[in-house]
Amino acid sequence: MVQQLLRITTTPMRYELEVEHSKLEYKQTAPSASVEAKPAKLNIDSKTDTSVNIDTYEARKSLGIMDSMDFVKTNATESRQALTKQIGEYREIGNEISNIQNGVSIADIYRSKMTDSHYELYTAFLPSGGAELSWNPAQLNMSFEPSNVSIDWNIEENAFNFIPGSVRMKITQMSSVNIEYIGGPLYFPPSAREKITGEAAEE
């Protein structure tokens, strides 16, 4: 019978695997808005007020109250008319005096002129001219600015962050092979056994 001399045992390797899965992180920032509102505006600009102009010069002129230019012009016209009339009268008197040989005296001529002269009476309302009225209307400028709303959006870009996965191996026990000799001592040469133990060598 063959005796077993060696006992061989093996110890397997032990390890641990740590697996971290890949991740995709998504970050979204909420948008924000800046709102600026401008109210409606009505602008009213009144430049001038209503004005009324009353010109009473013609009424004053009919009363003899006039400026220097019209005064000179009126008097010149009246003087010319009075002079023309006076010249006509003097001409008539001269014509009548030329007939004095017919028994007509100068006193009779002047007496006749004075009795022939007559006056006309009439009713006049003064002042005879009216007032001139003129007016300038008021000026009113209006401008309207409508309301306005402006919105300024602040939108940030979405952020993506990718984290790759990883696998980590942790060895907790190394593998090994154990060889154990379980037989008796070996003698070489075999004849040495008898010398050491006193037992004959097995064949």
C-alpha atoms as a PDB file:
ATOM      1  CA  MET A   1       0.000   0.000   0.000  1.00  0.00           C
ATOM      2  CA  VAL A   2       1.376   3.358  -1.018  1.00  0.00           C
ATOM      3  CA  GLN A   3       1.449   5.800   1.862  1.00  0.00           C
ATOM      4  CA  GLN A   4       0.380   9.367   1.194  1.00  0.00           C
ATOM      5  CA  LEU A   5       3.198  11.663   1.998  1.00  0.00           C
ATOM      6  CA  LEU A   6       1.854  15.102   1.052  1.00  0.00           C
ATOM      7  CA  ARG A   7      -1.328  16.937   1.957  1.00  0.00           C
ATOM      8  CA  ILE A   8      -2.033  19.804  -0.406  1.00  0.00           C
ATOM      9  CA  THR A   9      -4.627  22.397   0.515  1.00  0.00           C
ATOM     10  CA  THR A  10      -5.529  25.585  -1.324  1.00  0.00           C
ATOM     11  CA  THR A  11      -6.894  28.817   0.054  1.00  0.00           C
ATOM     12  CA  PRO A  12      -8.879  30.793  -2.548  1.00  0.00           C
ATOM     13  CA  MET A  13      -8.443  34.517  -2.961  1.00  0.00           C
ATOM     14  CA  ARG A  14     -11.130  36.704  -1.463  1.00  0.00           C
ATOM     15  CA  TYR A  15     -11.968  40.128  -2.805  1.00  0.00           C
ATOM     16  CA  GLU A  16     -14.684  42.726  -2.657  1.00  0.00           C
ATOM     17  CA  LEU A  17     -15.968  44.748  -5.573  1.00  0.00           C
ATOM     18  CA  GLU A  18     -17.181  48.308  -5.022  1.00  0.00           C
ATOM     19  CA  VAL A  19     -19.180  49.439  -8.007  1.00  0.00           C
ATOM     20  CA  GLU A  20     -20.230  53.081  -8.362  1.00  0.00           C
ATOM     21  CA  HIS A  21     -22.660  53.659 -11.178  1.00  0.00           C
ATOM     22  CA  SER A  22     -22.264  56.556 -13.580  1.00  0.00           C
ATOM     23  CA  LYS A  23     -24.439  59.594 -12.927  1.00  0.00           C
ATOM     24  CA  LEU A  24     -25.703  62.480 -14.981  1.00  0.00           C
ATOM     25  CA  GLU A  25     -26.425  65.568 -12.917  1.00  0.00           C
ATOM     26  CA  TYR A  26     -28.795  68.126 -14.386  1.00  0.00           C
ATOM     27  CA  LYS A  27     -28.979  71.592 -12.839  1.00  0.00           C
ATOM     28  CA  GLN A  28     -31.667  73.981 -13.954  1.00  0.00           C
ATOM     29  CA  THR A  29     -31.846  77.539 -12.631  1.00  0.00           C
ATOM     30  CA  ALA A  30     -35.281  79.090 -12.564  1.00  0.00           C
ATOM     31  CA  PRO A  31     -35.517  82.027 -14.998  1.00  0.00           C
ATOM     32  CA  SER A  32     -35.953  85.514 -13.580  1.00  0.00           C
ATOM     33  CA  ALA A  33     -37.501  88.575 -15.139  1.00  0.00           C
ATOM     34  CA  SER A  34     -37.051  92.282 -14.546  1.00  0.00           C
ATOM     35  CA  VAL A  35     -40.257  94.175 -15.257  1.00  0.00           C
ATOM     36  CA  GLU A  36     -40.187  97.939 -15.776  1.00  0.00           C
ATOM     37  CA  ALA A  37     -43.542  99.637 -16.209  1.00  0.00           C
ATOM     38  CA  LYS A  38     -43.819 103.195 -17.496  1.00  0.00           C
ATOM     39  CA  PRO A  39     -47.239 104.754 -16.858  1.00  0.00           C
ATOM     40  CA  ALA A  40     -49.149 106.668 -19.480  1.00  0.00           C
ATOM     41  CA  LYS A  41     -48.470 110.398 -19.570  1.00  0.00           C
ATOM     42  CA  LEU A  42     -50.616 113.280 -20.792  1.00  0.00           C
ATOM     43  CA  ASN A  43     -48.785 116.551 -21.395  1.00  0.00           C
ATOM     44  CA  ILE A  44     -50.885 119.729 -21.573  1.00  0.00           C
ATOM     45  CA  ASP A  45     -49.080 122.935 -22.511  1.00  0.00           C
ATOM     46  CA  SER A  46     -51.083 126.162 -22.497  1.00  0.00           C
ATOM     47  CA  LYS A  47     -49.014 128.764 -24.284  1.00  0.00           C
ATOM     48  CA  THR A  48     -51.306 131.790 -24.320  1.00  0.00           C
ATOM     49  CA  ASP A  49     -54.690 132.748 -22.921  1.00  0.00           C
ATOM     50  CA  THR A  50     -57.561 134.119 -24.961  1.00  0.00           C
ATOM     51  CA  SER A  51     -57.081 137.837 -25.595  1.00  0.00           C
ATOM     52  CA  VAL A  52     -59.647 140.410 -26.806  1.00  0.00           C
ATOM     53  CA  ASN A  53     -58.479 143.561 -28.556  1.00  0.00           C
ATOM     54  CA  ILE A  54     -60.840 146.598 -28.545  1.00  0.00           C
ATOM     55  CA  ASP A  55     -59.911 149.413 -30.943  1.00  0.00           C
ATOM     56  CA  THR A  56     -61.911 152.631 -30.188  1.00  0.00           C
ATOM     57  CA  TYR A  57     -59.870 154.941 -32.374  1.00  0.00           C
ATOM     58  CA  GLU A  58     -62.649 155.519 -34.934  1.00  0.00           C
ATOM     59  CA  ALA A  59     -65.042 156.458 -32.136  1.00  0.00           C
ATOM     60  CA  ARG A  60     -62.523 158.861 -30.646  1.00  0.00           C
ATOM     61  CA  LYS A  61     -61.759 160.230 -34.112  1.00  0.00           C
ATOM     62  CA  SER A  62     -65.427 161.143 -34.617  1.00  0.00           C
ATOM     63  CA  LEU A  63     -65.165 163.186 -31.407  1.00  0.00           C
ATOM     64  CA  GLY A  64     -62.111 165.005 -32.698  1.00  0.00           C
ATOM     65  CA  ILE A  65     -59.621 163.013 -30.682  1.00  0.00           C
ATOM     66  CA  MET A  66     -57.174 161.747 -33.219  1.00  0.00           C
ATOM     67  CA  ASP A  67     -53.511 161.272 -33.791  1.00  0.00           C
ATOM     68  CA  SER A  68     -51.315 163.943 -35.353  1.00  0.00           C
ATOM     69  CA  MET A  69     -51.349 162.464 -38.851  1.00  0.00           C
ATOM     70  CA  ASP A  70     -55.138 162.288 -39.087  1.00  0.00           C
ATOM     71  CA  PHE A  71     -55.414 165.695 -37.430  1.00  0.00           C
ATOM     72  CA  VAL A  72     -53.248 167.312 -40.113  1.00  0.00           C
ATOM     73  CA  LYS A  73     -55.040 165.443 -42.899  1.00  0.00           C
ATOM     74  CA  THR A  74     -58.539 166.389 -41.622  1.00  0.00           C
ATOM     75  CA  ASN A  75     -57.678 170.040 -41.113  1.00  0.00           C
ATOM     76  CA  ALA A  76     -56.055 170.270 -44.518  1.00  0.00           C
ATOM     77  CA  THR A  77     -59.197 168.877 -46.152  1.00  0.00           C
ATOM     78  CA  GLU A  78     -61.498 171.185 -44.232  1.00  0.00           C
ATOM     79  CA  SER A  79     -59.256 174.188 -44.954  1.00  0.00           C
ATOM     80  CA  ARG A  80     -59.258 173.407 -48.657  1.00  0.00           C
ATOM     81  CA  GLN A  81     -63.060 173.114 -48.696  1.00  0.00           C
ATOM     82  CA  ALA A  82     -63.492 176.359 -46.727  1.00  0.00           C
ATOM     83  CA  LEU A  83     -61.049 178.174 -48.983  1.00  0.00           C
ATOM     84  CA  THR A  84     -62.798 176.921 -52.107  1.00  0.00           C
ATOM     85  CA  LYS A  85     -66.136 178.051 -50.731  1.00  0.00           C
ATOM     86  CA  GLN A  86     -64.755 181.439 -49.700  1.00  0.00           C
ATOM     87  CA  ILE A  87     -63.221 181.981 -53.143  1.00  0.00           C
ATOM     88  CA  GLY A  88     -66.591 181.199 -54.717  1.00  0.00           C
ATOM     89  CA  GLU A  89     -68.315 183.729 -52.495  1.00  0.00           C
ATOM     90  CA  TYR A  90     -65.713 186.373 -53.252  1.00  0.00           C
ATOM     91  CA  ARG A  91     -66.140 185.730 -56.969  1.00  0.00           C
ATOM     92  CA  GLU A  92     -69.896 186.212 -56.716  1.00  0.00           C
ATOM     93  CA  ILE A  93     -69.403 189.416 -54.724  1.00  0.00           C
ATOM     94  CA  GLY A  94     -66.929 190.657 -57.361  1.00  0.00           C
ATOM     95  CA  ASN A  95     -69.434 189.930 -60.128  1.00  0.00           C
ATOM     96  CA  GLU A  96     -72.146 191.822 -58.296  1.00  0.00           C
ATOM     97  CA  ILE A  97     -69.842 194.782 -57.582  1.00  0.00           C
ATOM     98  CA  SER A  98     -69.085 194.985 -61.298  1.00  0.00           C
ATOM     99  CA  ASN A  99     -72.793 195.796 -61.775  1.00  0.00           C
ATOM    100  CA  ILE A 100     -72.724 198.698 -59.326  1.00  0.00           C
ATOM    101  CA  GLN A 101     -73.520 201.151 -62.150  1.00  0.00           C
ATOM    102  CA  ASN A 102     -77.001 199.696 -62.151  1.00  0.00           C
ATOM    103  CA  GLY A 103     -77.759 201.352 -58.804  1.00  0.00           C
ATOM    104  CA  VAL A 104     -76.606 198.526 -56.550  1.00  0.00           C
ATOM    105  CA  SER A 105     -74.471 199.605 -53.588  1.00  0.00           C
ATOM    106  CA  ILE A 106     -71.864 197.543 -51.811  1.00  0.00           C
ATOM    107  CA  ALA A 107     -73.951 197.639 -48.603  1.00  0.00           C
ATOM    108  CA  ASP A 108     -76.863 196.145 -50.521  1.00  0.00           C
ATOM    109  CA  ILE A 109     -74.624 193.390 -51.847  1.00  0.00           C
ATOM    110  CA  TYR A 110     -73.409 192.318 -48.385  1.00  0.00           C
ATOM    111  CA  ARG A 111     -76.899 192.684 -46.891  1.00  0.00           C
ATOM    112  CA  SER A 112     -78.155 190.360 -49.605  1.00  0.00           C
ATOM    113  CA  LYS A 113     -75.453 187.833 -48.852  1.00  0.00           C
ATOM    114  CA  MET A 114     -76.282 187.791 -45.175  1.00  0.00           C
ATOM    115  CA  THR A 115     -80.016 187.379 -45.751  1.00  0.00           C
ATOM    116  CA  ASP A 116     -79.441 184.645 -48.322  1.00  0.00           C
ATOM    117  CA  SER A 117     -77.247 182.595 -46.006  1.00  0.00           C
ATOM    118  CA  HIS A 118     -79.141 179.872 -44.141  1.00  0.00           C
ATOM    119  CA  TYR A 119     -78.155 177.063 -41.895  1.00  0.00           C
ATOM    120  CA  GLU A 120     -79.266 173.457 -41.866  1.00  0.00           C
ATOM    121  CA  LEU A 121     -79.969 171.747 -38.561  1.00  0.00           C
ATOM    122  CA  TYR A 122     -79.612 168.000 -38.193  1.00  0.00           C
ATOM    123  CA  THR A 123     -79.232 165.520 -35.377  1.00  0.00           C
ATOM    124  CA  ALA A 124     -75.933 163.691 -35.032  1.00  0.00           C
ATOM    125  CA  PHE A 125     -75.103 160.881 -32.665  1.00  0.00           C
ATOM    126  CA  LEU A 126     -71.630 160.988 -31.254  1.00  0.00           C
ATOM    127  CA  PRO A 127     -69.426 159.128 -31.367  1.00  0.00           C
ATOM    128  CA  SER A 128     -70.335 158.191 -34.882  1.00  0.00           C
ATOM    129  CA  GLY A 129     -67.761 155.407 -35.181  1.00  0.00           C
ATOM    130  CA  GLY A 130     -67.929 152.120 -33.377  1.00  0.00           C
ATOM    131  CA  ALA A 131     -65.266 150.044 -31.675  1.00  0.00           C
ATOM    132  CA  GLU A 132     -63.470 147.297 -33.572  1.00  0.00           C
ATOM    133  CA  LEU A 133     -63.223 144.036 -31.724  1.00  0.00           C
ATOM    134  CA  SER A 134     -60.686 141.333 -32.478  1.00  0.00           C
ATOM    135  CA  TRP A 135     -59.625 138.331 -30.431  1.00  0.00           C
ATOM    136  CA  ASN A 136     -56.838 135.808 -30.361  1.00  0.00           C
ATOM    137  CA  PRO A 137     -57.868 132.329 -29.305  1.00  0.00           C
ATOM    138  CA  ALA A 138     -55.899 130.458 -26.674  1.00  0.00           C
ATOM    139  CA  GLN A 139     -53.328 127.917 -27.785  1.00  0.00           C
ATOM    140  CA  LEU A 140     -53.412 124.557 -26.077  1.00  0.00           C
ATOM    141  CA  ASN A 141     -50.974 121.799 -27.018  1.00  0.00           C
ATOM    142  CA  MET A 142     -51.644 118.266 -25.876  1.00  0.00           C
ATOM    143  CA  SER A 143     -49.407 115.241 -26.295  1.00  0.00           C
ATOM    144  CA  PHE A 144     -50.052 111.720 -25.056  1.00  0.00           C
ATOM    145  CA  GLU A 145     -47.414 109.144 -24.260  1.00  0.00           C
ATOM    146  CA  PRO A 146     -48.885 105.640 -23.930  1.00  0.00           C
ATOM    147  CA  SER A 147     -47.847 103.322 -21.164  1.00  0.00           C
ATOM    148  CA  ASN A 148     -44.972 100.952 -21.822  1.00  0.00           C
ATOM    149  CA  VAL A 149     -43.996  97.706 -20.117  1.00  0.00           C
ATOM    150  CA  SER A 150     -40.533  96.262 -20.746  1.00  0.00           C
ATOM    151  CA  ILE A 151     -39.602  92.774 -19.582  1.00  0.00           C
ATOM    152  CA  ASP A 152     -35.960  91.719 -19.379  1.00  0.00           C
ATOM    153  CA  TRP A 153     -35.632  87.969 -19.064  1.00  0.00           C
ATOM    154  CA  ASN A 154     -32.579  86.439 -17.401  1.00  0.00           C
ATOM    155  CA  ILE A 155     -32.389  82.819 -18.514  1.00  0.00           C
ATOM    156  CA  GLU A 156     -29.290  80.848 -17.567  1.00  0.00           C
ATOM    157  CA  GLU A 157     -28.125  77.852 -19.541  1.00  0.00           C
ATOM    158  CA  ASN A 158     -28.901  74.429 -18.151  1.00  0.00           C
ATOM    159  CA  ALA A 159     -25.840  72.739 -16.603  1.00  0.00           C
ATOM    160  CA  PHE A 160     -25.098  69.045 -17.214  1.00  0.00           C
ATOM    161  CA  ASN A 161     -22.457  67.240 -15.180  1.00  0.00           C
ATOM    162  CA  PHE A 162     -21.561  63.660 -16.065  1.00  0.00           C
ATOM    163  CA  ILE A 163     -19.856  61.545 -13.414  1.00  0.00           C
ATOM    164  CA  PRO A 164     -18.478  58.319 -14.908  1.00  0.00           C
ATOM    165  CA  GLY A 165     -18.907  55.063 -13.052  1.00  0.00           C
ATOM    166  CA  SER A 166     -16.060  53.254 -11.350  1.00  0.00           C
ATOM    167  CA  VAL A 167     -15.237  49.721 -10.191  1.00  0.00           C
ATOM    168  CA  ARG A 168     -12.878  49.174  -7.267  1.00  0.00           C
ATOM    169  CA  MET A 169     -11.556  45.777  -6.239  1.00  0.00           C
ATOM    170  CA  LYS A 170     -10.454  45.204  -2.674  1.00  0.00           C
ATOM    171  CA  ILE A 171      -8.563  41.937  -1.962  1.00  0.00           C
ATOM    172  CA  THR A 172      -9.299  40.772   1.556  1.00  0.00           C
ATOM    173  CA  GLN A 173      -7.426  37.482   1.334  1.00  0.00           C
ATOM    174  CA  MET A 174      -4.675  36.370  -0.978  1.00  0.00           C
ATOM    175  CA  SER A 175      -4.886  32.929  -2.540  1.00  0.00           C
ATOM    176  CA  SER A 176      -2.391  30.355  -1.294  1.00  0.00           C
ATOM    177  CA  VAL A 177      -1.381  26.717  -1.763  1.00  0.00           C
ATOM    178  CA  ASN A 178      -0.321  24.844   1.383  1.00  0.00           C
ATOM    179  CA  ILE A 179       1.742  21.707   0.949  1.00  0.00           C
ATOM    180  CA  GLU A 180       2.088  19.633   4.109  1.00  0.00           C
ATOM    181  CA  TYR A 181       4.334  16.637   4.351  1.00  0.00           C
ATOM    182  CA  ILE A 182       2.544  14.022   6.381  1.00  0.00           C
ATOM    183  CA  GLY A 183       4.893  11.062   5.905  1.00  0.00           C
ATOM    184  CA  GLY A 184       7.854  10.017   8.001  1.00  0.00           C
ATOM    185  CA  PRO A 185      11.396  11.078   7.599  1.00  0.00           C
ATOM    186  CA  LEU A 186      13.203  10.169   4.482  1.00  0.00           C
ATOM    187  CA  TYR A 187      16.659   8.692   4.673  1.00  0.00           C
ATOM    188  CA  PHE A 188      19.150   8.785   2.003  1.00  0.00           C
ATOM    189  CA  PRO A 189      20.567   6.508   1.209  1.00  0.00           C
ATOM    190  CA  PRO A 190      17.860   4.223   2.544  1.00  0.00           C
ATOM    191  CA  SER A 191      20.474   2.161   4.394  1.00  0.00           C
ATOM    192  CA  ALA A 192      21.026   5.043   6.721  1.00  0.00           C
ATOM    193  CA  ARG A 193      17.670   4.362   8.347  1.00  0.00           C
ATOM    194  CA  GLU A 194      18.878   1.183   9.883  1.00  0.00           C
ATOM    195  CA  LYS A 195      21.847   2.927  11.313  1.00  0.00           C
ATOM    196  CA  ILE A 196      19.773   5.739  12.806  1.00  0.00           C
ATOM    197  CA  THR A 197      16.586   4.014  13.945  1.00  0.00           C
ATOM    198  CA  GLY A 198      17.678   0.418  14.009  1.00  0.00           C
ATOM    199  CA  GLU A 199      14.899  -0.470  11.660  1.00  0.00           C
ATOM    200  CA  ALA A 200      15.566  -2.148   8.413  1.00  0.00           C
ATOM    201  CA  ALA A 201      14.850  -0.146   5.345  1.00  0.00           C
ATOM    202  CA  GLU A 202      11.624  -0.969   3.574  1.00  0.00           C
ATOM    203  CA  GLU A 203      11.881  -2.265   0.121  1.00  0.00           C
END
